[in-house]
Amino acid sequence: MHRKIEETPEREKMLIRLKELRLERGYSMTQAARKIFSHPDTYNRYEKGIREIPLDSLMLLAKTYDCSLDYLAGVSDRPRKYGR
């Protein structure tokens, strides 16, 4: 059985943003998983906070959702474009 990773305010914000950004772009979990070269079950665990998201996957997510890593990670509330 999987246990959730310890929650922090930033992590909670990141999980909310991850789902919101996916839905805003109209992606299913399977489509989002393909964008970051991941299995849909793994992506599901990322979004539910059951599994840590590796940095390379976070970078691909930021690029896919066209936002900064700071915004995606819940550190910033300014959704700057990816790479700017």
N, C-alpha and C. Protein backbone atom coordinates (compact mmCIF):
# COMPACT_ATOMS: atom_id res chain seq x y z
N MET A 1 0.84 -1.18 0.00
CA MET A 1 0.00 0.00 0.00
C MET A 1 0.89 1.25 0.00
N HIS A 2 0.51 2.23 -0.78
CA HIS A 2 1.29 3.46 -0.90
C HIS A 2 0.85 4.46 0.16
N ARG A 3 1.84 5.17 0.70
CA ARG A 3 1.56 6.23 1.66
C ARG A 3 1.90 7.56 1.00
N LYS A 4 1.12 8.57 1.34
CA LYS A 4 1.41 9.91 0.82
C LYS A 4 2.69 10.42 1.44
N ILE A 5 3.39 11.22 0.69
CA ILE A 5 4.62 11.86 1.16
C ILE A 5 4.21 13.03 2.05
N GLU A 6 5.06 13.36 3.02
CA GLU A 6 4.76 14.44 3.95
C GLU A 6 4.38 15.71 3.19
N GLU A 7 3.27 16.30 3.59
CA GLU A 7 2.77 17.49 2.92
C GLU A 7 3.35 18.76 3.53
N THR A 8 3.69 19.68 2.68
CA THR A 8 4.05 21.04 3.07
C THR A 8 3.09 21.95 2.31
N PRO A 9 2.94 23.20 2.73
CA PRO A 9 2.05 24.09 1.97
C PRO A 9 2.43 24.20 0.49
N GLU A 10 3.74 24.24 0.22
CA GLU A 10 4.19 24.34 -1.17
C GLU A 10 3.86 23.07 -1.95
N ARG A 11 4.05 21.92 -1.31
CA ARG A 11 3.77 20.65 -1.98
C ARG A 11 2.27 20.53 -2.28
N GLU A 12 1.44 20.90 -1.32
CA GLU A 12 -0.01 20.87 -1.55
C GLU A 12 -0.38 21.77 -2.72
N LYS A 13 0.24 22.95 -2.76
CA LYS A 13 -0.02 23.89 -3.86
C LYS A 13 0.43 23.28 -5.19
N MET A 14 1.59 22.60 -5.17
CA MET A 14 2.10 21.99 -6.39
C MET A 14 1.13 20.92 -6.91
N LEU A 15 0.60 20.09 -6.02
CA LEU A 15 -0.31 19.03 -6.45
C LEU A 15 -1.59 19.61 -7.04
N ILE A 16 -2.08 20.68 -6.43
CA ILE A 16 -3.27 21.36 -6.97
C ILE A 16 -2.96 21.93 -8.35
N ARG A 17 -1.81 22.60 -8.46
CA ARG A 17 -1.44 23.21 -9.75
C ARG A 17 -1.23 22.17 -10.83
N LEU A 18 -0.62 21.07 -10.46
CA LEU A 18 -0.36 20.01 -11.42
C LEU A 18 -1.68 19.55 -12.06
N LYS A 19 -2.68 19.32 -11.24
CA LYS A 19 -3.98 18.89 -11.77
C LYS A 19 -4.66 20.02 -12.54
N GLU A 20 -4.65 21.23 -11.98
CA GLU A 20 -5.30 22.36 -12.65
C GLU A 20 -4.69 22.62 -14.03
N LEU A 21 -3.36 22.62 -14.10
CA LEU A 21 -2.70 22.87 -15.38
C LEU A 21 -3.02 21.78 -16.40
N ARG A 22 -3.05 20.54 -15.94
CA ARG A 22 -3.39 19.43 -16.84
C ARG A 22 -4.80 19.61 -17.40
N LEU A 23 -5.74 19.92 -16.50
CA LEU A 23 -7.13 20.09 -16.93
C LEU A 23 -7.31 21.32 -17.82
N GLU A 24 -6.62 22.42 -17.50
CA GLU A 24 -6.69 23.62 -18.33
C GLU A 24 -6.22 23.34 -19.76
N ARG A 25 -5.24 22.47 -19.89
CA ARG A 25 -4.72 22.14 -21.22
C ARG A 25 -5.56 21.06 -21.91
N GLY A 26 -6.52 20.50 -21.18
CA GLY A 26 -7.39 19.48 -21.75
C GLY A 26 -6.76 18.11 -21.87
N TYR A 27 -5.73 17.83 -21.06
CA TYR A 27 -5.05 16.55 -21.11
C TYR A 27 -5.65 15.55 -20.13
N SER A 28 -5.75 14.32 -20.57
CA SER A 28 -6.06 13.23 -19.64
C SER A 28 -4.76 12.89 -18.92
N MET A 29 -4.85 12.08 -17.88
CA MET A 29 -3.62 11.66 -17.18
C MET A 29 -2.72 10.88 -18.13
N THR A 30 -3.31 10.07 -18.99
CA THR A 30 -2.52 9.29 -19.95
C THR A 30 -1.77 10.22 -20.90
N GLN A 31 -2.45 11.25 -21.40
CA GLN A 31 -1.79 12.19 -22.31
C GLN A 31 -0.67 12.95 -21.60
N ALA A 32 -0.92 13.39 -20.37
CA ALA A 32 0.11 14.10 -19.60
C ALA A 32 1.30 13.18 -19.34
N ALA A 33 1.02 11.93 -19.02
CA ALA A 33 2.10 10.97 -18.76
C ALA A 33 2.97 10.80 -20.01
N ARG A 34 2.34 10.72 -21.16
CA ARG A 34 3.10 10.57 -22.41
C ARG A 34 4.00 11.77 -22.67
N LYS A 35 3.52 12.96 -22.31
CA LYS A 35 4.30 14.18 -22.52
C LYS A 35 5.61 14.15 -21.75
N ILE A 36 5.62 13.45 -20.60
CA ILE A 36 6.85 13.41 -19.78
C ILE A 36 7.49 12.02 -19.81
N PHE A 37 7.07 11.20 -20.79
CA PHE A 37 7.65 9.87 -20.99
C PHE A 37 7.51 9.00 -19.74
N SER A 38 6.31 9.01 -19.19
CA SER A 38 6.03 8.29 -17.95
C SER A 38 4.82 7.38 -18.16
N HIS A 39 4.65 6.43 -17.28
CA HIS A 39 3.49 5.54 -17.30
C HIS A 39 2.31 6.28 -16.65
N PRO A 40 1.09 6.10 -17.16
CA PRO A 40 -0.06 6.77 -16.56
C PRO A 40 -0.24 6.51 -15.06
N ASP A 41 0.05 5.30 -14.61
CA ASP A 41 -0.05 5.01 -13.17
C ASP A 41 0.95 5.83 -12.37
N THR A 42 2.13 6.01 -12.92
CA THR A 42 3.15 6.82 -12.25
C THR A 42 2.70 8.27 -12.19
N TYR A 43 2.18 8.78 -13.30
CA TYR A 43 1.70 10.16 -13.31
C TYR A 43 0.57 10.34 -12.30
N ASN A 44 -0.31 9.38 -12.23
CA ASN A 44 -1.41 9.42 -11.26
C ASN A 44 -0.85 9.53 -9.84
N ARG A 45 0.19 8.78 -9.54
CA ARG A 45 0.81 8.83 -8.21
C ARG A 45 1.48 10.18 -7.96
N TYR A 46 2.04 10.78 -9.00
CA TYR A 46 2.61 12.12 -8.86
C TYR A 46 1.51 13.10 -8.46
N GLU A 47 0.42 13.07 -9.22
CA GLU A 47 -0.66 14.04 -9.02
C GLU A 47 -1.36 13.85 -7.67
N LYS A 48 -1.38 12.64 -7.18
CA LYS A 48 -2.01 12.37 -5.88
C LYS A 48 -1.05 12.55 -4.70
N GLY A 49 0.21 12.81 -4.99
CA GLY A 49 1.18 13.03 -3.93
C GLY A 49 1.70 11.77 -3.30
N ILE A 50 1.54 10.65 -3.97
CA ILE A 50 2.00 9.36 -3.44
C ILE A 50 3.46 9.13 -3.80
N ARG A 51 3.90 9.73 -4.88
CA ARG A 51 5.27 9.52 -5.36
C ARG A 51 5.92 10.87 -5.65
N GLU A 52 7.20 10.98 -5.29
CA GLU A 52 7.96 12.19 -5.59
C GLU A 52 8.14 12.31 -7.10
N ILE A 53 8.15 13.55 -7.58
CA ILE A 53 8.35 13.79 -9.01
C ILE A 53 9.83 14.09 -9.24
N PRO A 54 10.52 13.29 -10.05
CA PRO A 54 11.93 13.56 -10.33
C PRO A 54 12.11 14.90 -11.04
N LEU A 55 13.26 15.51 -10.85
CA LEU A 55 13.52 16.82 -11.43
C LEU A 55 13.36 16.83 -12.94
N ASP A 56 13.82 15.79 -13.63
CA ASP A 56 13.69 15.79 -15.09
C ASP A 56 12.22 15.77 -15.51
N SER A 57 11.38 15.09 -14.74
CA SER A 57 9.94 15.09 -15.03
C SER A 57 9.31 16.44 -14.71
N LEU A 58 9.75 17.08 -13.62
CA LEU A 58 9.26 18.42 -13.29
C LEU A 58 9.59 19.41 -14.40
N MET A 59 10.79 19.28 -14.94
CA MET A 59 11.19 20.18 -16.03
C MET A 59 10.34 19.95 -17.27
N LEU A 60 10.06 18.70 -17.58
CA LEU A 60 9.19 18.40 -18.72
C LEU A 60 7.76 18.89 -18.48
N LEU A 61 7.29 18.78 -17.25
CA LEU A 61 5.95 19.27 -16.92
C LEU A 61 5.88 20.79 -17.07
N ALA A 62 6.89 21.49 -16.57
CA ALA A 62 6.92 22.95 -16.70
C ALA A 62 6.92 23.34 -18.17
N LYS A 63 7.68 22.63 -18.98
CA LYS A 63 7.72 22.91 -20.42
C LYS A 63 6.36 22.60 -21.06
N THR A 64 5.79 21.46 -20.72
CA THR A 64 4.49 21.05 -21.26
C THR A 64 3.40 22.04 -20.91
N TYR A 65 3.40 22.52 -19.66
CA TYR A 65 2.36 23.43 -19.19
C TYR A 65 2.76 24.90 -19.35
N ASP A 66 3.93 25.14 -19.93
CA ASP A 66 4.44 26.48 -20.21
C ASP A 66 4.39 27.39 -18.98
N CYS A 67 5.01 26.91 -17.91
CA CYS A 67 5.11 27.70 -16.68
C CYS A 67 6.49 27.49 -16.08
N SER A 68 6.86 28.35 -15.15
CA SER A 68 8.16 28.21 -14.51
C SER A 68 8.13 27.06 -13.51
N LEU A 69 9.31 26.53 -13.21
CA LEU A 69 9.40 25.50 -12.16
C LEU A 69 8.96 26.06 -10.82
N ASP A 70 9.28 27.33 -10.54
CA ASP A 70 8.87 27.96 -9.29
C ASP A 70 7.35 27.94 -9.14
N TYR A 71 6.66 28.27 -10.23
CA TYR A 71 5.20 28.28 -10.19
C TYR A 71 4.66 26.86 -10.00
N LEU A 72 5.17 25.93 -10.78
CA LEU A 72 4.71 24.55 -10.69
C LEU A 72 4.96 23.98 -9.29
N ALA A 73 6.10 24.32 -8.70
CA ALA A 73 6.47 23.80 -7.38
C ALA A 73 5.75 24.51 -6.23
N GLY A 74 4.96 25.53 -6.53
CA GLY A 74 4.22 26.21 -5.48
C GLY A 74 5.02 27.25 -4.72
N VAL A 75 6.21 27.58 -5.23
CA VAL A 75 7.07 28.56 -4.57
C VAL A 75 6.69 29.98 -4.98
N SER A 76 6.20 30.14 -6.19
CA SER A 76 5.81 31.44 -6.72
C SER A 76 4.35 31.38 -7.18
N ASP A 77 3.68 32.52 -7.10
CA ASP A 77 2.31 32.59 -7.59
C ASP A 77 2.23 33.27 -8.95
N ARG A 78 3.40 33.56 -9.53
CA ARG A 78 3.44 34.17 -10.86
C ARG A 78 3.72 33.09 -11.90
N PRO A 79 2.74 32.79 -12.74
CA PRO A 79 2.93 31.71 -13.73
C PRO A 79 3.74 32.16 -14.95
N ARG A 80 4.98 32.56 -14.72
CA ARG A 80 5.84 32.98 -15.84
C ARG A 80 5.95 31.85 -16.85
N LYS A 81 6.24 32.24 -18.06
CA LYS A 81 6.41 31.25 -19.12
C LYS A 81 7.64 30.40 -18.86
N TYR A 82 7.63 29.18 -19.34
CA TYR A 82 8.76 28.26 -19.18
C TYR A 82 10.01 28.86 -19.79
N GLY A 83 11.11 28.80 -19.05
CA GLY A 83 12.40 29.26 -19.55
C GLY A 83 12.61 30.76 -19.53
N ARG A 84 11.69 31.50 -18.94
CA ARG A 84 11.84 32.97 -18.88
C ARG A 84 11.90 33.44 -17.46
